[in-house]
Amino acid sequence: TLSTDGKQNAYVQCVVNALVAELPQQYRGVRWETALFVEKEP
């Protein structure tokens, strides 16, 4: 089940974007996609 919580999705995407910006070029050039799953296990 995918989460529809806009705030949490934006939070995760923001962290991903900040990390990806520091990757080598071959990985920065990829369009990164995130998914937030409704699942209790961390």
PDB file of all heavy atoms in Angstrom:
ATOM      1  N   THR A   1       0.838  -1.196   0.000  1.00  0.00           N
ATOM      2  CA  THR A   1       0.000   0.000   0.000  1.00  0.00           C
ATOM      3  C   THR A   1       0.874   1.246   0.000  1.00  0.00           C
ATOM      4  O   THR A   1       1.758   1.405   0.858  1.00  0.00           O
ATOM      5  CB  THR A   1      -0.914   0.019   1.239  1.00  0.00           C
ATOM      6  OG1 THR A   1      -1.719  -1.162   1.245  1.00  0.00           O
ATOM      7  CG2 THR A   1      -1.810   1.244   1.220  1.00  0.00           C
ATOM      8  N   LEU A   2       0.627   2.123  -0.942  1.00  0.00           N
ATOM      9  CA  LEU A   2       1.376   3.372  -1.037  1.00  0.00           C
ATOM     10  C   LEU A   2       0.733   4.446  -0.169  1.00  0.00           C
ATOM     11  O   LEU A   2      -0.497   4.593  -0.142  1.00  0.00           O
ATOM     12  CB  LEU A   2       1.425   3.853  -2.490  1.00  0.00           C
ATOM     13  CG  LEU A   2       2.310   3.039  -3.439  1.00  0.00           C
ATOM     14  CD1 LEU A   2       2.007   3.403  -4.883  1.00  0.00           C
ATOM     15  CD2 LEU A   2       3.782   3.262  -3.138  1.00  0.00           C
ATOM     16  N   SER A   3       1.560   5.202   0.536  1.00  0.00           N
ATOM     17  CA  SER A   3       1.057   6.286   1.368  1.00  0.00           C
ATOM     18  C   SER A   3       0.617   7.465   0.495  1.00  0.00           C
ATOM     19  O   SER A   3       1.285   7.810  -0.483  1.00  0.00           O
ATOM     20  CB  SER A   3       2.145   6.758   2.334  1.00  0.00           C
ATOM     21  OG  SER A   3       1.751   7.944   3.004  1.00  0.00           O
ATOM     22  N   THR A   4      -0.490   8.060   0.879  1.00  0.00           N
ATOM     23  CA  THR A   4      -0.976   9.259   0.176  1.00  0.00           C
ATOM     24  C   THR A   4      -0.748  10.513   1.016  1.00  0.00           C
ATOM     25  O   THR A   4      -1.269  11.579   0.696  1.00  0.00           O
ATOM     26  CB  THR A   4      -2.475   9.113  -0.146  1.00  0.00           C
ATOM     27  OG1 THR A   4      -3.208   8.881   1.081  1.00  0.00           O
ATOM     28  CG2 THR A   4      -2.723   7.958  -1.103  1.00  0.00           C
ATOM     29  N   ASP A   5       0.035  10.385   2.081  1.00  0.00           N
ATOM     30  CA  ASP A   5       0.335  11.529   2.945  1.00  0.00           C
ATOM     31  C   ASP A   5       1.308  12.451   2.226  1.00  0.00           C
ATOM     32  O   ASP A   5       2.495  12.141   2.082  1.00  0.00           O
ATOM     33  CB  ASP A   5       0.943  11.023   4.261  1.00  0.00           C
ATOM     34  CG  ASP A   5       1.131  12.133   5.294  1.00  0.00           C
ATOM     35  OD1 ASP A   5       1.689  13.190   4.932  1.00  0.00           O
ATOM     36  OD2 ASP A   5       0.736  11.946   6.451  1.00  0.00           O
ATOM     37  N   GLY A   6       0.822  13.578   1.753  1.00  0.00           N
ATOM     38  CA  GLY A   6       1.638  14.492   0.964  1.00  0.00           C
ATOM     39  C   GLY A   6       2.836  15.028   1.720  1.00  0.00           C
ATOM     40  O   GLY A   6       3.935  15.152   1.162  1.00  0.00           O
ATOM     41  N   LYS A   7       2.666  15.337   3.003  1.00  0.00           N
ATOM     42  CA  LYS A   7       3.755  15.901   3.797  1.00  0.00           C
ATOM     43  C   LYS A   7       4.870  14.887   3.982  1.00  0.00           C
ATOM     44  O   LYS A   7       6.060  15.216   3.823  1.00  0.00           O
ATOM     45  CB  LYS A   7       3.217  16.354   5.157  1.00  0.00           C
ATOM     46  CG  LYS A   7       4.256  17.052   6.019  1.00  0.00           C
ATOM     47  CD  LYS A   7       3.651  17.569   7.322  1.00  0.00           C
ATOM     48  CE  LYS A   7       4.690  18.279   8.175  1.00  0.00           C
ATOM     49  NZ  LYS A   7       4.095  18.776   9.460  1.00  0.00           N
ATOM     50  N   GLN A   8       4.523  13.651   4.301  1.00  0.00           N
ATOM     51  CA  GLN A   8       5.543  12.624   4.496  1.00  0.00           C
ATOM     52  C   GLN A   8       6.245  12.280   3.187  1.00  0.00           C
ATOM     53  O   GLN A   8       7.458  12.075   3.169  1.00  0.00           O
ATOM     54  CB  GLN A   8       4.921  11.369   5.113  1.00  0.00           C
ATOM     55  CG  GLN A   8       4.546  11.528   6.576  1.00  0.00           C
ATOM     56  CD  GLN A   8       4.056  10.228   7.190  1.00  0.00           C
ATOM     57  OE1 GLN A   8       3.646   9.308   6.482  1.00  0.00           O
ATOM     58  NE2 GLN A   8       4.079  10.149   8.515  1.00  0.00           N
ATOM     59  N   ASN A   9       5.498  12.216   2.091  1.00  0.00           N
ATOM     60  CA  ASN A   9       6.112  11.944   0.791  1.00  0.00           C
ATOM     61  C   ASN A   9       7.097  13.039   0.415  1.00  0.00           C
ATOM     62  O   ASN A   9       8.187  12.756  -0.086  1.00  0.00           O
ATOM     63  CB  ASN A   9       5.037  11.803  -0.282  1.00  0.00           C
ATOM     64  CG  ASN A   9       4.476  10.394  -0.382  1.00  0.00           C
ATOM     65  OD1 ASN A   9       5.066   9.517  -0.995  1.00  0.00           O
ATOM     66  ND2 ASN A   9       3.331  10.167   0.247  1.00  0.00           N
ATOM     67  N   ALA A  10       6.710  14.303   0.647  1.00  0.00           N
ATOM     68  CA  ALA A  10       7.600  15.419   0.331  1.00  0.00           C
ATOM     69  C   ALA A  10       8.849  15.396   1.208  1.00  0.00           C
ATOM     70  O   ALA A  10       9.953  15.718   0.751  1.00  0.00           O
ATOM     71  CB  ALA A  10       6.845  16.738   0.505  1.00  0.00           C
ATOM     72  N   TYR A  11       8.677  15.000   2.445  1.00  0.00           N
ATOM     73  CA  TYR A  11       9.794  14.888   3.393  1.00  0.00           C
ATOM     74  C   TYR A  11      10.823  13.876   2.895  1.00  0.00           C
ATOM     75  O   TYR A  11      12.027  14.171   2.814  1.00  0.00           O
ATOM     76  CB  TYR A  11       9.213  14.476   4.746  1.00  0.00           C
ATOM     77  CG  TYR A  11      10.198  14.211   5.857  1.00  0.00           C
ATOM     78  CD1 TYR A  11      11.375  14.946   6.008  1.00  0.00           C
ATOM     79  CD2 TYR A  11       9.916  13.224   6.813  1.00  0.00           C
ATOM     80  CE1 TYR A  11      12.245  14.698   7.057  1.00  0.00           C
ATOM     81  CE2 TYR A  11      10.777  12.975   7.866  1.00  0.00           C
ATOM     82  CZ  TYR A  11      11.939  13.713   7.990  1.00  0.00           C
ATOM     83  OH  TYR A  11      12.804  13.465   9.040  1.00  0.00           O
ATOM     84  N   VAL A  12      10.354  12.702   2.529  1.00  0.00           N
ATOM     85  CA  VAL A  12      11.253  11.662   2.025  1.00  0.00           C
ATOM     86  C   VAL A  12      11.931  12.123   0.736  1.00  0.00           C
ATOM     87  O   VAL A  12      13.146  11.964   0.567  1.00  0.00           O
ATOM     88  CB  VAL A  12      10.488  10.344   1.799  1.00  0.00           C
ATOM     89  CG1 VAL A  12      11.367   9.325   1.085  1.00  0.00           C
ATOM     90  CG2 VAL A  12       9.991   9.778   3.124  1.00  0.00           C
ATOM     91  N   GLN A  13      11.156  12.713  -0.173  1.00  0.00           N
ATOM     92  CA  GLN A  13      11.716  13.153  -1.445  1.00  0.00           C
ATOM     93  C   GLN A  13      12.777  14.226  -1.242  1.00  0.00           C
ATOM     94  O   GLN A  13      13.803  14.248  -1.939  1.00  0.00           O
ATOM     95  CB  GLN A  13      10.603  13.686  -2.347  1.00  0.00           C
ATOM     96  CG  GLN A  13      11.054  14.010  -3.771  1.00  0.00           C
ATOM     97  CD  GLN A  13      11.462  12.770  -4.547  1.00  0.00           C
ATOM     98  OE1 GLN A  13      10.650  11.881  -4.766  1.00  0.00           O
ATOM     99  NE2 GLN A  13      12.726  12.704  -4.966  1.00  0.00           N
ATOM    100  N   CYS A  14      12.564  15.104  -0.289  1.00  0.00           N
ATOM    101  CA  CYS A  14      13.530  16.171   0.003  1.00  0.00           C
ATOM    102  C   CYS A  14      14.868  15.584   0.449  1.00  0.00           C
ATOM    103  O   CYS A  14      15.933  16.008  -0.012  1.00  0.00           O
ATOM    104  CB  CYS A  14      12.962  17.086   1.089  1.00  0.00           C
ATOM    105  SG  CYS A  14      14.088  18.412   1.614  1.00  0.00           S
ATOM    106  N   VAL A  15      14.815  14.593   1.325  1.00  0.00           N
ATOM    107  CA  VAL A  15      16.052  13.958   1.798  1.00  0.00           C
ATOM    108  C   VAL A  15      16.746  13.239   0.647  1.00  0.00           C
ATOM    109  O   VAL A  15      17.970  13.340   0.481  1.00  0.00           O
ATOM    110  CB  VAL A  15      15.745  12.991   2.961  1.00  0.00           C
ATOM    111  CG1 VAL A  15      16.992  12.179   3.325  1.00  0.00           C
ATOM    112  CG2 VAL A  15      15.247  13.760   4.181  1.00  0.00           C
ATOM    113  N   VAL A  16      15.973  12.524  -0.155  1.00  0.00           N
ATOM    114  CA  VAL A  16      16.547  11.827  -1.304  1.00  0.00           C
ATOM    115  C   VAL A  16      17.225  12.815  -2.241  1.00  0.00           C
ATOM    116  O   VAL A  16      18.363  12.603  -2.690  1.00  0.00           O
ATOM    117  CB  VAL A  16      15.473  11.018  -2.054  1.00  0.00           C
ATOM    118  CG1 VAL A  16      16.019  10.489  -3.382  1.00  0.00           C
ATOM    119  CG2 VAL A  16      14.983   9.849  -1.191  1.00  0.00           C
ATOM    120  N   ASN A  17      16.550  13.915  -2.541  1.00  0.00           N
ATOM    121  CA  ASN A  17      17.100  14.913  -3.474  1.00  0.00           C
ATOM    122  C   ASN A  17      18.420  15.476  -2.958  1.00  0.00           C
ATOM    123  O   ASN A  17      19.369  15.680  -3.737  1.00  0.00           O
ATOM    124  CB  ASN A  17      16.098  16.046  -3.685  1.00  0.00           C
ATOM    125  CG  ASN A  17      14.888  15.627  -4.496  1.00  0.00           C
ATOM    126  OD1 ASN A  17      14.881  14.564  -5.127  1.00  0.00           O
ATOM    127  ND2 ASN A  17      13.852  16.439  -4.478  1.00  0.00           N
ATOM    128  N   ALA A  18      18.483  15.763  -1.662  1.00  0.00           N
ATOM    129  CA  ALA A  18      19.709  16.330  -1.087  1.00  0.00           C
ATOM    130  C   ALA A  18      20.873  15.344  -1.186  1.00  0.00           C
ATOM    131  O   ALA A  18      22.010  15.729  -1.473  1.00  0.00           O
ATOM    132  CB  ALA A  18      19.470  16.721   0.368  1.00  0.00           C
ATOM    133  N   LEU A  19      20.605  14.064  -0.967  1.00  0.00           N
ATOM    134  CA  LEU A  19      21.649  13.051  -1.050  1.00  0.00           C
ATOM    135  C   LEU A  19      22.080  12.820  -2.497  1.00  0.00           C
ATOM    136  O   LEU A  19      23.273  12.740  -2.797  1.00  0.00           O
ATOM    137  CB  LEU A  19      21.148  11.740  -0.438  1.00  0.00           C
ATOM    138  CG  LEU A  19      20.902  11.759   1.078  1.00  0.00           C
ATOM    139  CD1 LEU A  19      20.147  10.507   1.508  1.00  0.00           C
ATOM    140  CD2 LEU A  19      22.214  11.868   1.848  1.00  0.00           C
ATOM    141  N   VAL A  20      21.114  12.731  -3.389  1.00  0.00           N
ATOM    142  CA  VAL A  20      21.410  12.466  -4.804  1.00  0.00           C
ATOM    143  C   VAL A  20      22.279  13.579  -5.392  1.00  0.00           C
ATOM    144  O   VAL A  20      23.132  13.324  -6.240  1.00  0.00           O
ATOM    145  CB  VAL A  20      20.104  12.292  -5.604  1.00  0.00           C
ATOM    146  CG1 VAL A  20      20.362  12.312  -7.106  1.00  0.00           C
ATOM    147  CG2 VAL A  20      19.413  10.982  -5.213  1.00  0.00           C
ATOM    148  N   ALA A  21      22.066  14.800  -4.936  1.00  0.00           N
ATOM    149  CA  ALA A  21      22.834  15.936  -5.461  1.00  0.00           C
ATOM    150  C   ALA A  21      24.330  15.784  -5.220  1.00  0.00           C
ATOM    151  O   ALA A  21      25.138  16.427  -5.903  1.00  0.00           O
ATOM    152  CB  ALA A  21      22.339  17.240  -4.826  1.00  0.00           C
ATOM    153  N   GLU A  22      24.719  14.915  -4.280  1.00  0.00           N
ATOM    154  CA  GLU A  22      26.137  14.716  -3.961  1.00  0.00           C
ATOM    155  C   GLU A  22      26.711  13.442  -4.562  1.00  0.00           C
ATOM    156  O   GLU A  22      27.867  13.097  -4.305  1.00  0.00           O
ATOM    157  CB  GLU A  22      26.318  14.699  -2.442  1.00  0.00           C
ATOM    158  CG  GLU A  22      25.877  15.972  -1.745  1.00  0.00           C
ATOM    159  CD  GLU A  22      26.472  17.214  -2.377  1.00  0.00           C
ATOM    160  OE1 GLU A  22      27.711  17.241  -2.550  1.00  0.00           O
ATOM    161  OE2 GLU A  22      25.713  18.148  -2.694  1.00  0.00           O
ATOM    162  N   LEU A  23      25.932  12.741  -5.370  1.00  0.00           N
ATOM    163  CA  LEU A  23      26.404  11.499  -5.975  1.00  0.00           C
ATOM    164  C   LEU A  23      27.288  11.774  -7.190  1.00  0.00           C
ATOM    165  O   LEU A  23      27.229  12.870  -7.762  1.00  0.00           O
ATOM    166  CB  LEU A  23      25.206  10.645  -6.408  1.00  0.00           C
ATOM    167  CG  LEU A  23      24.297  10.108  -5.310  1.00  0.00           C
ATOM    168  CD1 LEU A  23      23.152   9.307  -5.926  1.00  0.00           C
ATOM    169  CD2 LEU A  23      25.082   9.239  -4.333  1.00  0.00           C
ATOM    170  N   PRO A  24      28.088  10.806  -7.606  1.00  0.00           N
ATOM    171  CA  PRO A  24      28.822  10.942  -8.866  1.00  0.00           C
ATOM    172  C   PRO A  24      27.854  11.200 -10.024  1.00  0.00           C
ATOM    173  O   PRO A  24      26.679  10.821  -9.965  1.00  0.00           O
ATOM    174  CB  PRO A  24      29.513   9.576  -9.015  1.00  0.00           C
ATOM    175  CG  PRO A  24      29.631   9.065  -7.619  1.00  0.00           C
ATOM    176  CD  PRO A  24      28.412   9.545  -6.907  1.00  0.00           C
ATOM    177  N   GLN A  25      28.351  11.821 -11.081  1.00  0.00           N
ATOM    178  CA  GLN A  25      27.509  12.264 -12.185  1.00  0.00           C
ATOM    179  C   GLN A  25      26.650  11.142 -12.772  1.00  0.00           C
ATOM    180  O   GLN A  25      25.494  11.368 -13.130  1.00  0.00           O
ATOM    181  CB  GLN A  25      28.376  12.882 -13.288  1.00  0.00           C
ATOM    182  CG  GLN A  25      27.592  13.349 -14.515  1.00  0.00           C
ATOM    183  CD  GLN A  25      26.501  14.351 -14.159  1.00  0.00           C
ATOM    184  OE1 GLN A  25      26.731  15.276 -13.366  1.00  0.00           O
ATOM    185  NE2 GLN A  25      25.311  14.189 -14.735  1.00  0.00           N
ATOM    186  N   GLN A  26      27.191   9.943 -12.870  1.00  0.00           N
ATOM    187  CA  GLN A  26      26.438   8.857 -13.484  1.00  0.00           C
ATOM    188  C   GLN A  26      25.162   8.539 -12.718  1.00  0.00           C
ATOM    189  O   GLN A  26      24.200   8.010 -13.279  1.00  0.00           O
ATOM    190  CB  GLN A  26      27.301   7.600 -13.573  1.00  0.00           C
ATOM    191  CG  GLN A  26      27.620   6.956 -12.226  1.00  0.00           C
ATOM    192  CD  GLN A  26      28.626   5.854 -12.327  1.00  0.00           C
ATOM    193  OE1 GLN A  26      29.834   6.087 -12.177  1.00  0.00           O
ATOM    194  NE2 GLN A  26      28.164   4.646 -12.586  1.00  0.00           N
ATOM    195  N   TYR A  27      25.124   8.877 -11.421  1.00  0.00           N
ATOM    196  CA  TYR A  27      23.923   8.652 -10.617  1.00  0.00           C
ATOM    197  C   TYR A  27      23.073   9.903 -10.497  1.00  0.00           C
ATOM    198  O   TYR A  27      21.855   9.814 -10.357  1.00  0.00           O
ATOM    199  CB  TYR A  27      24.308   8.142  -9.227  1.00  0.00           C
ATOM    200  CG  TYR A  27      25.071   6.841  -9.262  1.00  0.00           C
ATOM    201  CD1 TYR A  27      26.450   6.804  -9.043  1.00  0.00           C
ATOM    202  CD2 TYR A  27      24.425   5.637  -9.531  1.00  0.00           C
ATOM    203  CE1 TYR A  27      27.154   5.615  -9.082  1.00  0.00           C
ATOM    204  CE2 TYR A  27      25.124   4.439  -9.577  1.00  0.00           C
ATOM    205  CZ  TYR A  27      26.490   4.433  -9.359  1.00  0.00           C
ATOM    206  OH  TYR A  27      27.185   3.251  -9.410  1.00  0.00           O
ATOM    207  N   ARG A  28      23.714  11.078 -10.563  1.00  0.00           N
ATOM    208  CA  ARG A  28      22.938  12.323 -10.513  1.00  0.00           C
ATOM    209  C   ARG A  28      22.082  12.489 -11.753  1.00  0.00           C
ATOM    210  O   ARG A  28      21.024  13.115 -11.703  1.00  0.00           O
ATOM    211  CB  ARG A  28      23.875  13.538 -10.396  1.00  0.00           C
ATOM    212  CG  ARG A  28      24.545  13.677  -9.058  1.00  0.00           C
ATOM    213  CD  ARG A  28      24.988  15.124  -8.817  1.00  0.00           C
ATOM    214  NE  ARG A  28      25.756  15.678  -9.914  1.00  0.00           N
ATOM    215  CZ  ARG A  28      27.079  15.580 -10.036  1.00  0.00           C
ATOM    216  NH1 ARG A  28      27.771  14.910  -9.133  1.00  0.00           N
ATOM    217  NH2 ARG A  28      27.712  16.130 -11.047  1.00  0.00           N
ATOM    218  N   GLY A  29      22.537  11.934 -12.877  1.00  0.00           N
ATOM    219  CA  GLY A  29      21.798  12.093 -14.123  1.00  0.00           C
ATOM    220  C   GLY A  29      20.560  11.226 -14.230  1.00  0.00           C
ATOM    221  O   GLY A  29      19.796  11.352 -15.187  1.00  0.00           O
ATOM    222  N   VAL A  30      20.345  10.363 -13.235  1.00  0.00           N
ATOM    223  CA  VAL A  30      19.180   9.478 -13.237  1.00  0.00           C
ATOM    224  C   VAL A  30      18.002  10.198 -12.596  1.00  0.00           C
ATOM    225  O   VAL A  30      18.166  10.961 -11.635  1.00  0.00           O
ATOM    226  CB  VAL A  30      19.495   8.187 -12.446  1.00  0.00           C
ATOM    227  CG1 VAL A  30      18.260   7.309 -12.300  1.00  0.00           C
ATOM    228  CG2 VAL A  30      20.620   7.416 -13.117  1.00  0.00           C
ATOM    229  N   ARG A  31      16.802   9.967 -13.137  1.00  0.00           N
ATOM    230  CA  ARG A  31      15.594  10.529 -12.522  1.00  0.00           C
ATOM    231  C   ARG A  31      15.188   9.623 -11.357  1.00  0.00           C
ATOM    232  O   ARG A  31      14.640   8.542 -11.545  1.00  0.00           O
ATOM    233  CB  ARG A  31      14.457  10.617 -13.538  1.00  0.00           C
ATOM    234  CG  ARG A  31      13.166  11.216 -12.951  1.00  0.00           C
ATOM    235  CD  ARG A  31      12.050  11.221 -13.981  1.00  0.00           C
ATOM    236  NE  ARG A  31      10.805  11.679 -13.397  1.00  0.00           N
ATOM    237  CZ  ARG A  31       9.954  10.903 -12.722  1.00  0.00           C
ATOM    238  NH1 ARG A  31      10.231   9.614 -12.547  1.00  0.00           N
ATOM    239  NH2 ARG A  31       8.836  11.396 -12.219  1.00  0.00           N
ATOM    240  N   TRP A  32      15.477  10.051 -10.142  1.00  0.00           N
ATOM    241  CA  TRP A  32      15.212   9.231  -8.964  1.00  0.00           C
ATOM    242  C   TRP A  32      13.724   9.272  -8.602  1.00  0.00           C
ATOM    243  O   TRP A  32      13.092  10.337  -8.634  1.00  0.00           O
ATOM    244  CB  TRP A  32      16.059   9.703  -7.786  1.00  0.00           C
ATOM    245  CG  TRP A  32      17.498   9.290  -7.945  1.00  0.00           C
ATOM    246  CD1 TRP A  32      18.429   9.836  -8.797  1.00  0.00           C
ATOM    247  CD2 TRP A  32      18.162   8.227  -7.277  1.00  0.00           C
ATOM    248  NE1 TRP A  32      19.624   9.174  -8.686  1.00  0.00           N
ATOM    249  CE2 TRP A  32      19.494   8.175  -7.758  1.00  0.00           C
ATOM    250  CE3 TRP A  32      17.778   7.306  -6.303  1.00  0.00           C
ATOM    251  CZ2 TRP A  32      20.425   7.246  -7.310  1.00  0.00           C
ATOM    252  CZ3 TRP A  32      18.707   6.383  -5.843  1.00  0.00           C
ATOM    253  CH2 TRP A  32      20.010   6.357  -6.343  1.00  0.00           C
ATOM    254  N   GLU A  33      13.201   8.129  -8.278  1.00  0.00           N
ATOM    255  CA  GLU A  33      11.793   7.980  -7.915  1.00  0.00           C
ATOM    256  C   GLU A  33      11.703   7.402  -6.507  1.00  0.00           C
ATOM    257  O   GLU A  33      12.424   6.476  -6.160  1.00  0.00           O
ATOM    258  CB  GLU A  33      11.096   7.041  -8.906  1.00  0.00           C
ATOM    259  CG  GLU A  33       9.635   6.777  -8.584  1.00  0.00           C
ATOM    260  CD  GLU A  33       8.999   5.739  -9.505  1.00  0.00           C
ATOM    261  OE1 GLU A  33       9.713   5.219 -10.394  1.00  0.00           O
ATOM    262  OE2 GLU A  33       7.815   5.435  -9.301  1.00  0.00           O
ATOM    263  N   THR A  34      10.824   7.943  -5.704  1.00  0.00           N
ATOM    264  CA  THR A  34      10.638   7.444  -4.349  1.00  0.00           C
ATOM    265  C   THR A  34       9.217   6.924  -4.173  1.00  0.00           C
ATOM    266  O   THR A  34       8.294   7.348  -4.868  1.00  0.00           O
ATOM    267  CB  THR A  34      10.893   8.535  -3.291  1.00  0.00           C
ATOM    268  OG1 THR A  34       9.900   9.559  -3.431  1.00  0.00           O
ATOM    269  CG2 THR A  34      12.272   9.143  -3.462  1.00  0.00           C
ATOM    270  N   ALA A  35       9.063   6.007  -3.245  1.00  0.00           N
ATOM    271  CA  ALA A  35       7.743   5.491  -2.879  1.00  0.00           C
ATOM    272  C   ALA A  35       7.721   5.315  -1.370  1.00  0.00           C
ATOM    273  O   ALA A  35       8.681   4.802  -0.781  1.00  0.00           O
ATOM    274  CB  ALA A  35       7.459   4.170  -3.582  1.00  0.00           C
ATOM    275  N   LEU A  36       6.640   5.765  -0.746  1.00  0.00           N
ATOM    276  CA  LEU A  36       6.458   5.621   0.691  1.00  0.00           C
ATOM    277  C   LEU A  36       5.370   4.573   0.921  1.00  0.00           C
ATOM    278  O   LEU A  36       4.232   4.740   0.471  1.00  0.00           O
ATOM    279  CB  LEU A  36       6.068   6.961   1.316  1.00  0.00           C
ATOM    280  CG  LEU A  36       5.875   6.992   2.830  1.00  0.00           C
ATOM    281  CD1 LEU A  36       7.175   6.634   3.550  1.00  0.00           C
ATOM    282  CD2 LEU A  36       5.396   8.381   3.280  1.00  0.00           C
ATOM    283  N   PHE A  37       5.733   3.489   1.600  1.00  0.00           N
ATOM    284  CA  PHE A  37       4.814   2.376   1.806  1.00  0.00           C
ATOM    285  C   PHE A  37       4.228   2.410   3.217  1.00  0.00           C
ATOM    286  O   PHE A  37       4.943   2.696   4.188  1.00  0.00           O
ATOM    287  CB  PHE A  37       5.539   1.044   1.596  1.00  0.00           C
ATOM    288  CG  PHE A  37       6.117   0.878   0.222  1.00  0.00           C
ATOM    289  CD1 PHE A  37       7.481   1.020   0.004  1.00  0.00           C
ATOM    290  CD2 PHE A  37       5.300   0.596  -0.867  1.00  0.00           C
ATOM    291  CE1 PHE A  37       8.022   0.877  -1.264  1.00  0.00           C
ATOM    292  CE2 PHE A  37       5.833   0.452  -2.140  1.00  0.00           C
ATOM    293  CZ  PHE A  37       7.193   0.598  -2.339  1.00  0.00           C
ATOM    294  N   VAL A  38       2.937   2.129   3.312  1.00  0.00           N
ATOM    295  CA  VAL A  38       2.276   2.056   4.615  1.00  0.00           C
ATOM    296  C   VAL A  38       2.602   0.693   5.221  1.00  0.00           C
ATOM    297  O   VAL A  38       1.965  -0.313   4.920  1.00  0.00           O
ATOM    298  CB  VAL A  38       0.753   2.242   4.481  1.00  0.00           C
ATOM    299  CG1 VAL A  38       0.086   2.178   5.858  1.00  0.00           C
ATOM    300  CG2 VAL A  38       0.428   3.555   3.785  1.00  0.00           C
ATOM    301  N   GLU A  39       3.623   0.673   6.036  1.00  0.00           N
ATOM    302  CA  GLU A  39       4.132  -0.575   6.607  1.00  0.00           C
ATOM    303  C   GLU A  39       4.806  -0.257   7.936  1.00  0.00           C
ATOM    304  O   GLU A  39       5.647   0.641   8.023  1.00  0.00           O
ATOM    305  CB  GLU A  39       5.134  -1.216   5.639  1.00  0.00           C
ATOM    306  CG  GLU A  39       5.873  -2.419   6.173  1.00  0.00           C
ATOM    307  CD  GLU A  39       4.948  -3.541   6.582  1.00  0.00           C
ATOM    308  OE1 GLU A  39       4.125  -3.956   5.753  1.00  0.00           O
ATOM    309  OE2 GLU A  39       5.039  -3.989   7.751  1.00  0.00           O
ATOM    310  N   LYS A  40       4.439  -0.987   8.998  1.00  0.00           N
ATOM    311  CA  LYS A  40       4.942  -0.684  10.338  1.00  0.00           C
ATOM    312  C   LYS A  40       6.422  -1.009  10.507  1.00  0.00           C
ATOM    313  O   LYS A  40       7.114  -0.366  11.302  1.00  0.00           O
ATOM    314  CB  LYS A  40       4.131  -1.459  11.383  1.00  0.00           C
ATOM    315  CG  LYS A  40       2.707  -0.949  11.553  1.00  0.00           C
ATOM    316  CD  LYS A  40       1.988  -1.716  12.660  1.00  0.00           C
ATOM    317  CE  LYS A  40       0.575  -1.199  12.845  1.00  0.00           C
ATOM    318  NZ  LYS A  40      -0.147  -1.942  13.921  1.00  0.00           N
ATOM    319  N   GLU A  41       6.922  -2.000   9.799  1.00  0.00           N
ATOM    320  CA  GLU A  41       8.314  -2.377   9.982  1.00  0.00           C
ATOM    321  C   GLU A  41       9.230  -1.254   9.512  1.00  0.00           C
ATOM    322  O   GLU A  41       9.113  -0.780   8.376  1.00  0.00           O
ATOM    323  CB  GLU A  41       8.633  -3.662   9.217  1.00  0.00           C
ATOM    324  CG  GLU A  41      10.042  -4.151   9.470  1.00  0.00           C
ATOM    325  CD  GLU A  41      10.287  -5.568   8.960  1.00  0.00           C
ATOM    326  OE1 GLU A  41       9.310  -6.246   8.610  1.00  0.00           O
ATOM    327  OE2 GLU A  41      11.447  -5.968   8.924  1.00  0.00           O
ATOM    328  N   PRO A  42      10.151  -0.796  10.365  1.00  0.00           N
ATOM    329  CA  PRO A  42      11.041   0.305   9.967  1.00  0.00           C
ATOM    330  C   PRO A  42      12.097  -0.179   8.983  1.00  0.00           C
ATOM    331  O   PRO A  42      13.073  -0.813   9.378  1.00  0.00           O
ATOM    332  CB  PRO A  42      11.661   0.751  11.299  1.00  0.00           C
ATOM    333  CG  PRO A  42      11.594  -0.452  12.171  1.00  0.00           C
ATOM    334  CD  PRO A  42      10.376  -1.238  11.752  1.00  0.00           C
TER     335      PRO A  42
END
